[in-house]
Amino acid sequence: MSALTDLIEQKASRLPAHTNAYRVADGTPWPGIFIDALADRLLVSVRDTAVPRGLRTLLEETGRPVYLKRLDKDVKDAPLHLCGPEAPLRFEIEENGVKYIMDMAAGYSQGIFLDQRDNRATVRSKCHRGMRLLNTFSYTGAFSVCAALAGATTTTLDLAQPCLTWCKENMQLNGIDPSAHFFCKGDTLHWLDRFARQGRTFDAIVLDPPTFSRDEKGRIWRVEKDYGSLVKKAMACLAPHGWILCTTNCRKVSHSQFRSLVASGAPGAHITSSPMTFDYDGEDYLKTLWVHS
């Protein structure tokens, strides 16, 4: 058994049931190379490096469709077919029994962020019928899907209409009627202010913003400077006894700094942390905090 096949099987053996998307190699044992298993496909992501000849041989031996994404290039480019059978770039994966549409040509991420698997499962376990969840910076709405499956009524918020459409597709894929949920297009900060003015509150809020963004007026937002104010705005929309999932993959912010930022926006709240999912065993970059009012 090759080193790669052994690694694939080791990681797969530790996955929750009905899960076929996970990280196989997280920068080790091949420095600068990240390999994700997505259903029957392998996606190899590299930054400022090439795929060693020996690794390419191991990838070929898996017999799987293998695609290559260069993170140091334009991430909007579709990945290159590296070896194995060719396969459609748009397909379905399964995680904890939940189905999601993936598209390897979609850009930096393929449809969901695999490092948030445990957080999605926790959101589903914390939600129940009658709850109202607000999913901000939603991307393709994976947190909304998990909350809706648990019976919550979700409000999904993103700046990009294609992401909201993708979320509706993911809901339909899991037997959820999107018309029973709410979708808002626009800037999260503006919507949080609007909800607060309207007195609209939520029992749960998900905050997973980009590390850097610029609004239509050119104003810059950065996690390391502005996350605390984001939490403060979210707290103004949180119902009594509600909770907020605060998470970021910003590498400029340490775990202790992130806790300080979150605490500054939610003074007096009870805050707990969660570790990264096991298959991301390289850099400990993802920060996850749960804020309970």
C-alpha atoms as a PDB file:
ATOM      1  CA  MET A   1       0.000   0.000   0.000  1.00  0.00           C
ATOM      2  CA  SER A   2       1.404   3.397  -0.983  1.00  0.00           C
ATOM      3  CA  ALA A   3       1.897   6.259   1.455  1.00  0.00           C
ATOM      4  CA  LEU A   4      -0.931   8.211  -0.174  1.00  0.00           C
ATOM      5  CA  THR A   5      -3.398   5.318  -0.271  1.00  0.00           C
ATOM      6  CA  ASP A   6      -2.577   4.566   3.366  1.00  0.00           C
ATOM      7  CA  LEU A   7      -3.190   8.207   4.294  1.00  0.00           C
ATOM      8  CA  ILE A   8      -6.528   8.239   2.434  1.00  0.00           C
ATOM      9  CA  GLU A   9      -7.690   5.118   4.229  1.00  0.00           C
ATOM     10  CA  GLN A  10      -6.469   6.313   7.644  1.00  0.00           C
ATOM     11  CA  LYS A  11      -8.360   9.596   7.348  1.00  0.00           C
ATOM     12  CA  ALA A  12     -11.478   7.928   5.912  1.00  0.00           C
ATOM     13  CA  SER A  13     -11.602   5.445   8.807  1.00  0.00           C
ATOM     14  CA  ARG A  14     -11.980   8.308  11.308  1.00  0.00           C
ATOM     15  CA  LEU A  15     -14.717  10.177   9.459  1.00  0.00           C
ATOM     16  CA  PRO A  16     -18.305  10.345  10.722  1.00  0.00           C
ATOM     17  CA  ALA A  17     -20.782   8.108   8.919  1.00  0.00           C
ATOM     18  CA  HIS A  18     -22.040   9.162   5.497  1.00  0.00           C
ATOM     19  CA  THR A  19     -19.117  11.507   4.834  1.00  0.00           C
ATOM     20  CA  ASN A  20     -17.010  11.416   1.675  1.00  0.00           C
ATOM     21  CA  ALA A  21     -15.368  14.855   1.636  1.00  0.00           C
ATOM     22  CA  TYR A  22     -12.304  15.519   3.782  1.00  0.00           C
ATOM     23  CA  ARG A  23      -8.689  16.655   3.792  1.00  0.00           C
ATOM     24  CA  VAL A  24      -6.228  13.900   2.994  1.00  0.00           C
ATOM     25  CA  ALA A  25      -2.944  15.836   3.232  1.00  0.00           C
ATOM     26  CA  ASP A  26      -2.657  19.186   4.984  1.00  0.00           C
ATOM     27  CA  GLY A  27       0.804  20.353   3.976  1.00  0.00           C
ATOM     28  CA  THR A  28       2.416  17.139   5.223  1.00  0.00           C
ATOM     29  CA  PRO A  29       4.096  14.862   4.285  1.00  0.00           C
ATOM     30  CA  TRP A  30       4.388  16.927   1.107  1.00  0.00           C
ATOM     31  CA  PRO A  31       5.209  20.529   2.147  1.00  0.00           C
ATOM     32  CA  GLY A  32       3.068  23.177   0.495  1.00  0.00           C
ATOM     33  CA  ILE A  33       0.695  20.602  -0.978  1.00  0.00           C
ATOM     34  CA  PHE A  34      -2.903  20.077   0.143  1.00  0.00           C
ATOM     35  CA  ILE A  35      -5.035  17.170  -1.029  1.00  0.00           C
ATOM     36  CA  ASP A  36      -8.799  16.931  -0.573  1.00  0.00           C
ATOM     37  CA  ALA A  37     -10.958  13.900  -1.247  1.00  0.00           C
ATOM     38  CA  LEU A  38     -14.246  15.034  -2.772  1.00  0.00           C
ATOM     39  CA  ALA A  39     -16.487  12.013  -3.309  1.00  0.00           C
ATOM     40  CA  ASP A  40     -14.487   9.882  -5.777  1.00  0.00           C
ATOM     41  CA  ARG A  41     -12.211  12.757  -6.847  1.00  0.00           C
ATOM     42  CA  LEU A  42      -8.969  14.149  -5.469  1.00  0.00           C
ATOM     43  CA  LEU A  43      -8.217  17.865  -5.620  1.00  0.00           C
ATOM     44  CA  VAL A  44      -4.568  18.835  -5.195  1.00  0.00           C
ATOM     45  CA  SER A  45      -3.955  22.476  -4.227  1.00  0.00           C
ATOM     46  CA  VAL A  46      -0.474  23.957  -4.347  1.00  0.00           C
ATOM     47  CA  ARG A  47       1.026  27.363  -3.661  1.00  0.00           C
ATOM     48  CA  ASP A  48       4.418  28.335  -5.102  1.00  0.00           C
ATOM     49  CA  THR A  49       5.429  24.731  -5.618  1.00  0.00           C
ATOM     50  CA  ALA A  50       5.119  21.876  -8.110  1.00  0.00           C
ATOM     51  CA  VAL A  51       3.725  18.396  -7.631  1.00  0.00           C
ATOM     52  CA  PRO A  52       6.745  16.097  -7.131  1.00  0.00           C
ATOM     53  CA  ARG A  53       7.095  13.295  -9.640  1.00  0.00           C
ATOM     54  CA  GLY A  54       6.842  10.698  -6.893  1.00  0.00           C
ATOM     55  CA  LEU A  55       3.556  12.143  -5.594  1.00  0.00           C
ATOM     56  CA  ARG A  56       2.137  12.279  -9.095  1.00  0.00           C
ATOM     57  CA  THR A  57       2.868   8.573  -9.450  1.00  0.00           C
ATOM     58  CA  LEU A  58       1.036   7.912  -6.168  1.00  0.00           C
ATOM     59  CA  LEU A  59      -1.914   9.987  -7.364  1.00  0.00           C
ATOM     60  CA  GLU A  60      -2.062   8.033 -10.618  1.00  0.00           C
ATOM     61  CA  GLU A  61      -2.038   4.759  -8.686  1.00  0.00           C
ATOM     62  CA  THR A  62      -5.239   5.694  -6.824  1.00  0.00           C
ATOM     63  CA  GLY A  63      -7.178   5.398 -10.093  1.00  0.00           C
ATOM     64  CA  ARG A  64      -9.269   8.397  -9.121  1.00  0.00           C
ATOM     65  CA  PRO A  65      -9.949  11.555 -11.125  1.00  0.00           C
ATOM     66  CA  VAL A  66      -7.260  13.988  -9.911  1.00  0.00           C
ATOM     67  CA  TYR A  67      -7.377  17.737 -10.472  1.00  0.00           C
ATOM     68  CA  LEU A  68      -4.798  20.416  -9.711  1.00  0.00           C
ATOM     69  CA  LYS A  69      -5.510  23.928  -8.426  1.00  0.00           C
ATOM     70  CA  ARG A  70      -2.685  26.464  -8.215  1.00  0.00           C
ATOM     71  CA  LEU A  71      -3.435  28.847  -5.352  1.00  0.00           C
ATOM     72  CA  ASP A  72      -0.670  31.204  -6.475  1.00  0.00           C
ATOM     73  CA  LYS A  73      -2.485  31.748  -9.784  1.00  0.00           C
ATOM     74  CA  ASP A  74      -5.892  33.211 -10.545  1.00  0.00           C
ATOM     75  CA  VAL A  75      -8.165  31.190  -8.250  1.00  0.00           C
ATOM     76  CA  LYS A  76     -11.054  31.855 -10.626  1.00  0.00           C
ATOM     77  CA  ASP A  77      -9.447  29.484 -13.128  1.00  0.00           C
ATOM     78  CA  ALA A  78     -10.834  25.969 -13.318  1.00  0.00           C
ATOM     79  CA  PRO A  79      -8.469  23.333 -11.956  1.00  0.00           C
ATOM     80  CA  LEU A  80      -6.334  21.367 -14.401  1.00  0.00           C
ATOM     81  CA  HIS A  81      -6.935  17.675 -14.967  1.00  0.00           C
ATOM     82  CA  LEU A  82      -3.779  16.054 -13.614  1.00  0.00           C
ATOM     83  CA  CYS A  83      -4.333  12.319 -14.004  1.00  0.00           C
ATOM     84  CA  GLY A  84      -6.863   9.521 -13.786  1.00  0.00           C
ATOM     85  CA  PRO A  85     -10.276   9.534 -15.486  1.00  0.00           C
ATOM     86  CA  GLU A  86     -11.815  12.900 -16.298  1.00  0.00           C
ATOM     87  CA  ALA A  87     -14.980  13.735 -14.370  1.00  0.00           C
ATOM     88  CA  PRO A  88     -17.526  16.577 -14.247  1.00  0.00           C
ATOM     89  CA  LEU A  89     -16.344  19.528 -12.171  1.00  0.00           C
ATOM     90  CA  ARG A  90     -19.834  20.000 -10.698  1.00  0.00           C
ATOM     91  CA  PHE A  91     -21.017  17.076  -8.558  1.00  0.00           C
ATOM     92  CA  GLU A  92     -22.384  16.085  -5.135  1.00  0.00           C
ATOM     93  CA  ILE A  93     -20.599  15.231  -1.909  1.00  0.00           C
ATOM     94  CA  GLU A  94     -21.963  14.010   1.409  1.00  0.00           C
ATOM     95  CA  GLU A  95     -21.066  15.124   4.918  1.00  0.00           C
ATOM     96  CA  ASN A  96     -22.731  13.664   8.001  1.00  0.00           C
ATOM     97  CA  GLY A  97     -25.543  12.540   5.725  1.00  0.00           C
ATOM     98  CA  VAL A  98     -26.066  16.047   4.310  1.00  0.00           C
ATOM     99  CA  LYS A  99     -25.604  16.514   0.568  1.00  0.00           C
ATOM    100  CA  TYR A 100     -23.926  19.533  -1.002  1.00  0.00           C
ATOM    101  CA  ILE A 101     -23.256  20.588  -4.569  1.00  0.00           C
ATOM    102  CA  MET A 102     -19.576  21.095  -5.291  1.00  0.00           C
ATOM    103  CA  ASP A 103     -18.041  22.917  -8.218  1.00  0.00           C
ATOM    104  CA  MET A 104     -14.270  22.695  -8.545  1.00  0.00           C
ATOM    105  CA  ALA A 105     -14.334  25.539 -11.081  1.00  0.00           C
ATOM    106  CA  ALA A 106     -16.051  27.924  -8.654  1.00  0.00           C
ATOM    107  CA  GLY A 107     -12.957  29.689  -7.332  1.00  0.00           C
ATOM    108  CA  TYR A 108     -10.986  29.540  -4.092  1.00  0.00           C
ATOM    109  CA  SER A 109     -13.461  27.170  -2.461  1.00  0.00           C
ATOM    110  CA  GLN A 110     -15.385  24.429  -4.200  1.00  0.00           C
ATOM    111  CA  GLY A 111     -18.757  24.927  -2.510  1.00  0.00           C
ATOM    112  CA  ILE A 112     -18.197  24.337   1.191  1.00  0.00           C
ATOM    113  CA  PHE A 113     -15.228  24.871   3.461  1.00  0.00           C
ATOM    114  CA  LEU A 114     -14.273  21.380   4.610  1.00  0.00           C
ATOM    115  CA  ASP A 115     -12.548  22.705   7.747  1.00  0.00           C
ATOM    116  CA  GLN A 116     -15.979  23.759   9.090  1.00  0.00           C
ATOM    117  CA  ARG A 117     -17.363  20.199   9.130  1.00  0.00           C
ATOM    118  CA  ASP A 118     -17.486  19.882  12.922  1.00  0.00           C
ATOM    119  CA  ASN A 119     -19.004  23.356  13.278  1.00  0.00           C
ATOM    120  CA  ARG A 120     -21.760  22.480  10.818  1.00  0.00           C
ATOM    121  CA  ALA A 121     -22.527  19.334  12.799  1.00  0.00           C
ATOM    122  CA  THR A 122     -22.608  21.329  16.044  1.00  0.00           C
ATOM    123  CA  VAL A 123     -24.953  23.935  14.549  1.00  0.00           C
ATOM    124  CA  ARG A 124     -27.318  21.169  13.497  1.00  0.00           C
ATOM    125  CA  SER A 125     -27.205  19.612  16.970  1.00  0.00           C
ATOM    126  CA  LYS A 126     -27.882  22.970  18.661  1.00  0.00           C
ATOM    127  CA  CYS A 127     -30.849  23.854  16.441  1.00  0.00           C
ATOM    128  CA  HIS A 128     -34.432  22.664  16.742  1.00  0.00           C
ATOM    129  CA  ARG A 129     -37.871  23.394  15.413  1.00  0.00           C
ATOM    130  CA  GLY A 130     -39.029  26.903  16.166  1.00  0.00           C
ATOM    131  CA  MET A 131     -35.550  28.408  16.263  1.00  0.00           C
ATOM    132  CA  ARG A 132     -34.549  31.314  14.023  1.00  0.00           C
ATOM    133  CA  LEU A 133     -31.002  31.236  12.667  1.00  0.00           C
ATOM    134  CA  LEU A 134     -29.232  34.018  10.773  1.00  0.00           C
ATOM    135  CA  ASN A 135     -26.361  32.850   8.562  1.00  0.00           C
ATOM    136  CA  THR A 136     -24.220  35.851   7.566  1.00  0.00           C
ATOM    137  CA  PHE A 137     -21.480  35.822   4.910  1.00  0.00           C
ATOM    138  CA  SER A 138     -23.213  32.584   4.013  1.00  0.00           C
ATOM    139  CA  TYR A 139     -21.374  31.608   0.802  1.00  0.00           C
ATOM    140  CA  THR A 140     -23.391  28.580  -0.421  1.00  0.00           C
ATOM    141  CA  GLY A 141     -25.419  28.342   2.788  1.00  0.00           C
ATOM    142  CA  ALA A 142     -24.120  25.104   4.299  1.00  0.00           C
ATOM    143  CA  PHE A 143     -24.850  26.282   7.857  1.00  0.00           C
ATOM    144  CA  SER A 144     -28.370  27.217   6.760  1.00  0.00           C
ATOM    145  CA  VAL A 145     -28.921  23.741   5.339  1.00  0.00           C
ATOM    146  CA  CYS A 146     -27.825  22.099   8.592  1.00  0.00           C
ATOM    147  CA  ALA A 147     -30.022  24.375  10.714  1.00  0.00           C
ATOM    148  CA  ALA A 148     -33.017  23.858   8.425  1.00  0.00           C
ATOM    149  CA  LEU A 149     -32.619  20.078   8.616  1.00  0.00           C
ATOM    150  CA  ALA A 150     -32.898  20.417  12.394  1.00  0.00           C
ATOM    151  CA  GLY A 151     -36.151  22.334  12.006  1.00  0.00           C
ATOM    152  CA  ALA A 152     -34.937  25.923  12.364  1.00  0.00           C
ATOM    153  CA  THR A 153     -36.192  28.753  10.170  1.00  0.00           C
ATOM    154  CA  THR A 154     -33.148  30.263   8.500  1.00  0.00           C
ATOM    155  CA  THR A 155     -32.245  33.659   7.085  1.00  0.00           C
ATOM    156  CA  THR A 156     -29.334  33.383   4.667  1.00  0.00           C
ATOM    157  CA  LEU A 157     -27.364  36.529   3.916  1.00  0.00           C
ATOM    158  CA  ASP A 158     -24.673  37.050   1.299  1.00  0.00           C
ATOM    159  CA  LEU A 159     -23.447  39.786  -1.007  1.00  0.00           C
ATOM    160  CA  ALA A 160     -23.583  37.537  -4.087  1.00  0.00           C
ATOM    161  CA  GLN A 161     -26.871  36.388  -5.589  1.00  0.00           C
ATOM    162  CA  PRO A 162     -25.291  33.249  -7.136  1.00  0.00           C
ATOM    163  CA  CYS A 163     -24.376  32.094  -3.624  1.00  0.00           C
ATOM    164  CA  LEU A 164     -27.969  32.490  -2.445  1.00  0.00           C
ATOM    165  CA  THR A 165     -29.161  30.538  -5.488  1.00  0.00           C
ATOM    166  CA  TRP A 166     -26.585  27.833  -4.699  1.00  0.00           C
ATOM    167  CA  CYS A 167     -27.896  27.665  -1.137  1.00  0.00           C
ATOM    168  CA  LYS A 168     -31.421  27.079  -2.422  1.00  0.00           C
ATOM    169  CA  GLU A 169     -30.090  24.261  -4.613  1.00  0.00           C
ATOM    170  CA  ASN A 170     -28.392  22.690  -1.585  1.00  0.00           C
ATOM    171  CA  MET A 171     -31.647  22.927   0.362  1.00  0.00           C
ATOM    172  CA  GLN A 172     -33.627  21.271  -2.407  1.00  0.00           C
ATOM    173  CA  LEU A 173     -30.991  18.537  -2.654  1.00  0.00           C
ATOM    174  CA  ASN A 174     -31.762  17.695   0.991  1.00  0.00           C
ATOM    175  CA  GLY A 175     -35.541  17.845   0.695  1.00  0.00           C
ATOM    176  CA  ILE A 176     -35.879  21.337   2.160  1.00  0.00           C
ATOM    177  CA  ASP A 177     -38.334  23.819   0.653  1.00  0.00           C
ATOM    178  CA  PRO A 178     -36.413  27.111   0.200  1.00  0.00           C
ATOM    179  CA  SER A 179     -39.688  29.079   0.173  1.00  0.00           C
ATOM    180  CA  ALA A 180     -40.036  28.322   3.894  1.00  0.00           C
ATOM    181  CA  HIS A 181     -36.819  30.267   4.546  1.00  0.00           C
ATOM    182  CA  PHE A 182     -35.509  33.786   3.994  1.00  0.00           C
ATOM    183  CA  PHE A 183     -32.720  35.017   1.731  1.00  0.00           C
ATOM    184  CA  CYS A 184     -31.152  38.484   1.858  1.00  0.00           C
ATOM    185  CA  LYS A 185     -28.710  39.884  -0.677  1.00  0.00           C
ATOM    186  CA  GLY A 186     -26.367  42.597   0.496  1.00  0.00           C
ATOM    187  CA  ASP A 187     -23.741  43.727   2.974  1.00  0.00           C
ATOM    188  CA  THR A 188     -23.896  41.930   6.315  1.00  0.00           C
ATOM    189  CA  LEU A 189     -23.036  45.023   8.351  1.00  0.00           C
ATOM    190  CA  HIS A 190     -25.873  46.982   6.753  1.00  0.00           C
ATOM    191  CA  TRP A 191     -28.342  44.149   7.265  1.00  0.00           C
ATOM    192  CA  LEU A 192     -27.395  43.737  10.931  1.00  0.00           C
ATOM    193  CA  ASP A 193     -28.022  47.452  11.489  1.00  0.00           C
ATOM    194  CA  ARG A 194     -31.337  47.141   9.662  1.00  0.00           C
ATOM    195  CA  PHE A 195     -32.434  44.133  11.710  1.00  0.00           C
ATOM    196  CA  ALA A 196     -31.539  45.980  14.925  1.00  0.00           C
ATOM    197  CA  ARG A 197     -33.574  49.039  13.893  1.00  0.00           C
ATOM    198  CA  GLN A 198     -36.521  46.797  13.068  1.00  0.00           C
ATOM    199  CA  GLY A 199     -36.222  44.966  16.372  1.00  0.00           C
ATOM    200  CA  ARG A 200     -35.802  41.678  14.519  1.00  0.00           C
ATOM    201  CA  THR A 201     -33.910  39.105  16.555  1.00  0.00           C
ATOM    202  CA  PHE A 202     -32.549  35.613  16.029  1.00  0.00           C
ATOM    203  CA  ASP A 203     -31.933  32.693  18.378  1.00  0.00           C
ATOM    204  CA  ALA A 204     -28.666  31.842  16.641  1.00  0.00           C
ATOM    205  CA  ILE A 205     -26.276  33.763  14.395  1.00  0.00           C
ATOM    206  CA  VAL A 206     -23.341  32.488  12.340  1.00  0.00           C
ATOM    207  CA  LEU A 207     -20.417  34.884  11.761  1.00  0.00           C
ATOM    208  CA  ASP A 208     -17.811  33.554   9.332  1.00  0.00           C
ATOM    209  CA  PRO A 209     -16.637  36.645   7.432  1.00  0.00           C
ATOM    210  CA  PRO A 210     -13.856  36.946   4.853  1.00  0.00           C
ATOM    211  CA  THR A 211     -10.564  38.083   6.335  1.00  0.00           C
ATOM    212  CA  PHE A 212     -10.653  41.220   4.184  1.00  0.00           C
ATOM    213  CA  SER A 213     -13.374  43.035   2.266  1.00  0.00           C
ATOM    214  CA  ARG A 214     -14.164  46.412   0.729  1.00  0.00           C
ATOM    215  CA  ASP A 215     -17.687  47.856   0.541  1.00  0.00           C
ATOM    216  CA  GLU A 216     -19.239  49.819  -2.305  1.00  0.00           C
ATOM    217  CA  LYS A 217     -17.868  53.060  -0.851  1.00  0.00           C
ATOM    218  CA  GLY A 218     -14.333  51.687  -0.748  1.00  0.00           C
ATOM    219  CA  ARG A 219     -14.235  51.267   3.019  1.00  0.00           C
ATOM    220  CA  ILE A 220     -11.987  48.416   4.125  1.00  0.00           C
ATOM    221  CA  TRP A 221     -13.025  45.772   6.667  1.00  0.00           C
ATOM    222  CA  ARG A 222     -10.425  43.510   8.303  1.00  0.00           C
ATOM    223  CA  VAL A 223     -10.879  40.676  10.780  1.00  0.00           C
ATOM    224  CA  GLU A 224      -7.942  41.766  12.934  1.00  0.00           C
ATOM    225  CA  LYS A 225      -9.388  45.255  13.350  1.00  0.00           C
ATOM    226  CA  ASP A 226     -13.144  44.980  12.957  1.00  0.00           C
ATOM    227  CA  TYR A 227     -14.328  41.569  14.174  1.00  0.00           C
ATOM    228  CA  GLY A 228     -15.220  42.951  17.599  1.00  0.00           C
ATOM    229  CA  SER A 229     -17.556  45.547  16.097  1.00  0.00           C
ATOM    230  CA  LEU A 230     -19.150  42.819  13.955  1.00  0.00           C
ATOM    231  CA  VAL A 231     -19.891  40.786  17.091  1.00  0.00           C
ATOM    232  CA  LYS A 232     -21.363  43.882  18.755  1.00  0.00           C
ATOM    233  CA  LYS A 233     -23.742  44.401  15.822  1.00  0.00           C
ATOM    234  CA  ALA A 234     -24.738  40.725  15.936  1.00  0.00           C
ATOM    235  CA  MET A 235     -25.366  40.890  19.693  1.00  0.00           C
ATOM    236  CA  ALA A 236     -27.896  43.670  19.043  1.00  0.00           C
ATOM    237  CA  CYS A 237     -29.874  41.157  16.952  1.00  0.00           C
ATOM    238  CA  LEU A 238     -29.545  38.180  19.304  1.00  0.00           C
ATOM    239  CA  ALA A 239     -32.581  37.009  21.226  1.00  0.00           C
ATOM    240  CA  PRO A 240     -32.292  36.316  24.978  1.00  0.00           C
ATOM    241  CA  HIS A 241     -30.511  33.009  25.682  1.00  0.00           C
ATOM    242  CA  GLY A 242     -29.327  32.868  22.075  1.00  0.00           C
ATOM    243  CA  TRP A 243     -25.888  31.964  20.751  1.00  0.00           C
ATOM    244  CA  ILE A 244     -23.441  33.141  18.092  1.00  0.00           C
ATOM    245  CA  LEU A 245     -20.906  31.035  16.223  1.00  0.00           C
ATOM    246  CA  CYS A 246     -17.810  33.211  15.713  1.00  0.00           C
ATOM    247  CA  THR A 247     -15.164  31.783  13.439  1.00  0.00           C
ATOM    248  CA  THR A 248     -12.310  32.941  11.223  1.00  0.00           C
ATOM    249  CA  ASN A 249      -9.447  31.465   9.231  1.00  0.00           C
ATOM    250  CA  CYS A 250      -7.408  34.693   9.469  1.00  0.00           C
ATOM    251  CA  ARG A 251      -3.802  33.703  10.084  1.00  0.00           C
ATOM    252  CA  LYS A 252      -2.846  37.198  11.239  1.00  0.00           C
ATOM    253  CA  VAL A 253      -4.895  36.716  14.404  1.00  0.00           C
ATOM    254  CA  SER A 254      -3.870  34.297  17.159  1.00  0.00           C
ATOM    255  CA  HIS A 255      -6.394  32.289  19.152  1.00  0.00           C
ATOM    256  CA  SER A 256      -5.985  34.571  22.170  1.00  0.00           C
ATOM    257  CA  GLN A 257      -6.322  37.702  20.044  1.00  0.00           C
ATOM    258  CA  PHE A 258      -9.467  36.348  18.443  1.00  0.00           C
ATOM    259  CA  ARG A 259     -10.999  35.623  21.845  1.00  0.00           C
ATOM    260  CA  SER A 260     -10.212  39.192  22.894  1.00  0.00           C
ATOM    261  CA  LEU A 261     -11.851  40.572  19.752  1.00  0.00           C
ATOM    262  CA  VAL A 262     -14.988  38.504  20.286  1.00  0.00           C
ATOM    263  CA  ALA A 263     -15.164  39.329  23.994  1.00  0.00           C
ATOM    264  CA  SER A 264     -14.891  43.042  23.222  1.00  0.00           C
ATOM    265  CA  GLY A 265     -18.085  42.815  21.190  1.00  0.00           C
ATOM    266  CA  ALA A 266     -19.925  40.609  23.689  1.00  0.00           C
ATOM    267  CA  PRO A 267     -18.964  41.808  27.174  1.00  0.00           C
ATOM    268  CA  GLY A 268     -20.168  39.488  29.907  1.00  0.00           C
ATOM    269  CA  ALA A 269     -21.141  36.683  27.526  1.00  0.00           C
ATOM    270  CA  HIS A 270     -20.128  33.070  28.134  1.00  0.00           C
ATOM    271  CA  ILE A 271     -17.572  32.063  25.484  1.00  0.00           C
ATOM    272  CA  THR A 272     -16.320  28.556  24.695  1.00  0.00           C
ATOM    273  CA  SER A 273     -13.970  27.284  21.988  1.00  0.00           C
ATOM    274  CA  SER A 274     -13.862  24.327  19.607  1.00  0.00           C
ATOM    275  CA  PRO A 275     -10.791  22.725  17.985  1.00  0.00           C
ATOM    276  CA  MET A 276     -10.247  22.198  14.288  1.00  0.00           C
ATOM    277  CA  THR A 277     -11.524  19.030  12.699  1.00  0.00           C
ATOM    278  CA  PHE A 278      -9.000  16.174  12.942  1.00  0.00           C
ATOM    279  CA  ASP A 279      -8.115  15.896   9.251  1.00  0.00           C
ATOM    280  CA  TYR A 280      -6.706  19.436   9.207  1.00  0.00           C
ATOM    281  CA  ASP A 281      -3.584  18.393  11.080  1.00  0.00           C
ATOM    282  CA  GLY A 282      -1.186  21.003   9.675  1.00  0.00           C
ATOM    283  CA  GLU A 283      -1.352  24.664  10.681  1.00  0.00           C
ATOM    284  CA  ASP A 284      -3.822  25.396  13.489  1.00  0.00           C
ATOM    285  CA  TYR A 285      -5.306  28.419  11.729  1.00  0.00           C
ATOM    286  CA  LEU A 286      -9.078  28.087  12.209  1.00  0.00           C
ATOM    287  CA  LYS A 287     -10.522  29.805  15.278  1.00  0.00           C
ATOM    288  CA  THR A 288     -13.966  28.875  16.568  1.00  0.00           C
ATOM    289  CA  LEU A 289     -15.762  30.467  19.505  1.00  0.00           C
ATOM    290  CA  TRP A 290     -19.339  30.009  20.705  1.00  0.00           C
ATOM    291  CA  VAL A 291     -20.884  33.041  22.376  1.00  0.00           C
ATOM    292  CA  HIS A 292     -23.881  32.451  24.650  1.00  0.00           C
ATOM    293  CA  SER A 293     -25.889  35.439  25.843  1.00  0.00           C
END
